[in-house]
Amino acid sequence: MCRSTEPLNSPQALWLDDYAGEPFVRVLAHGTPSLVDAVGTNQVVIGVTAVQGTVTPMLTVIAAIDNLLKGAAGQAVQNLNLMFGWPETEGLA
């Protein structure tokens, strides 16, 4: 667990910076993801919100995936691409 004593003015900022340029990760600027955000894609959609009314800053992080595309088969293709030095997105929607 990572603890912070500073106010969380933009809780999404950490995730937006870390996953910038990742083809299969989408961080929402606001709100909570739902299945509709991920259906038909090989993306994980992440939503980050600050928990209100706590002494120590806390975050709620929720992720949504379409397990038919981002499931084991999609993950296997993505890993194969990385292992062979091919573009990570090769053969994936």
Protein backbone atom coordinates (compact mmCIF):
# COMPACT_ATOMS: atom_id res chain seq x y z
CA MET A 1 0.00 0.00 0.00
CA CYS A 2 1.26 3.44 -0.88
CA ARG A 3 0.31 6.24 1.49
CA SER A 4 0.31 9.93 0.76
CA THR A 5 -0.22 12.85 3.09
CA GLU A 6 -0.71 15.35 0.28
CA PRO A 7 -4.15 16.29 -1.08
CA LEU A 8 -5.24 14.47 -4.23
CA ASN A 9 -6.08 17.31 -6.61
CA SER A 10 -5.89 15.09 -9.69
CA PRO A 11 -5.97 11.41 -8.73
CA GLN A 12 -5.90 10.35 -12.40
CA ALA A 13 -2.58 12.13 -13.01
CA LEU A 14 -0.41 9.20 -11.83
CA TRP A 15 -2.19 6.73 -14.09
CA LEU A 16 -2.38 9.10 -17.05
CA ASP A 17 1.39 9.63 -16.86
CA ASP A 18 2.30 5.98 -16.28
CA TYR A 19 0.14 4.61 -19.09
CA ALA A 20 0.61 7.36 -21.67
CA GLY A 21 1.36 5.74 -24.99
CA GLU A 22 0.22 2.25 -23.94
CA PRO A 23 -1.96 0.91 -26.77
CA PHE A 24 -4.21 -1.26 -24.60
CA VAL A 25 -4.67 0.92 -21.51
CA ARG A 26 -7.11 3.82 -21.38
CA VAL A 27 -7.39 5.94 -18.24
CA LEU A 28 -10.57 7.97 -17.97
CA ALA A 29 -10.09 11.64 -17.14
CA HIS A 30 -13.20 11.50 -14.94
CA GLY A 31 -15.69 8.94 -13.77
CA THR A 32 -15.93 5.21 -13.35
CA PRO A 33 -15.54 2.80 -16.27
CA SER A 34 -18.30 0.42 -17.25
CA LEU A 35 -18.38 -2.59 -19.49
CA VAL A 36 -19.67 -0.41 -22.33
CA ASP A 37 -16.31 1.41 -22.33
CA ALA A 38 -14.40 -1.83 -22.96
CA VAL A 39 -16.72 -4.03 -25.09
CA GLY A 40 -15.22 -4.94 -28.44
CA THR A 41 -11.73 -3.75 -27.55
CA ASN A 42 -8.54 -5.29 -26.24
CA GLN A 43 -8.23 -2.40 -23.78
CA VAL A 44 -8.41 -2.19 -20.04
CA VAL A 45 -10.30 0.98 -19.10
CA ILE A 46 -9.29 2.44 -15.73
CA GLY A 47 -11.17 4.94 -13.59
CA VAL A 48 -9.64 6.61 -10.53
CA THR A 49 -11.56 8.66 -7.99
CA ALA A 50 -10.64 10.13 -4.63
CA VAL A 51 -12.51 8.77 -1.61
CA GLN A 52 -14.22 11.64 0.16
CA GLY A 53 -14.34 12.11 3.92
CA THR A 54 -11.15 10.26 4.85
CA VAL A 55 -8.33 11.53 7.03
CA THR A 56 -5.61 9.96 4.87
CA PRO A 57 -6.05 10.44 1.12
CA MET A 58 -7.46 7.28 -0.48
CA LEU A 59 -8.31 6.26 -4.02
CA THR A 60 -10.82 3.92 -5.55
CA VAL A 61 -9.45 2.34 -8.72
CA ILE A 62 -11.83 0.40 -10.98
CA ALA A 63 -10.91 -1.38 -14.21
CA ALA A 64 -13.17 -2.79 -16.92
CA ILE A 65 -12.23 -5.29 -19.64
CA ASP A 66 -14.03 -7.29 -22.30
CA ASN A 67 -12.81 -10.75 -21.31
CA LEU A 68 -13.62 -12.13 -24.76
CA LEU A 69 -10.91 -9.94 -26.28
CA LYS A 70 -8.72 -9.02 -23.30
CA GLY A 71 -8.95 -12.54 -21.90
CA ALA A 72 -6.39 -15.32 -22.08
CA ALA A 73 -6.31 -15.52 -25.89
CA GLY A 74 -5.76 -11.79 -26.37
CA GLN A 75 -3.13 -11.79 -23.66
CA ALA A 76 -1.37 -14.75 -25.30
CA VAL A 77 -1.22 -12.93 -28.66
CA GLN A 78 0.04 -9.76 -27.00
CA ASN A 79 2.75 -11.69 -25.11
CA LEU A 80 3.75 -13.57 -28.28
CA ASN A 81 4.17 -10.25 -30.07
CA LEU A 82 6.39 -8.94 -27.28
CA MET A 83 8.46 -12.13 -27.11
CA PHE A 84 9.24 -12.04 -30.83
CA GLY A 85 9.83 -8.30 -30.99
CA TRP A 86 6.78 -7.67 -33.15
CA PRO A 87 4.54 -4.62 -32.68
CA GLU A 88 2.51 -5.17 -29.51
CA THR A 89 -0.71 -4.46 -31.40
CA GLU A 90 -0.11 -7.01 -34.19
CA GLY A 91 -3.23 -9.12 -34.76
CA LEU A 92 -5.22 -7.40 -32.00
CA ALA A 93 -8.12 -4.97 -32.31
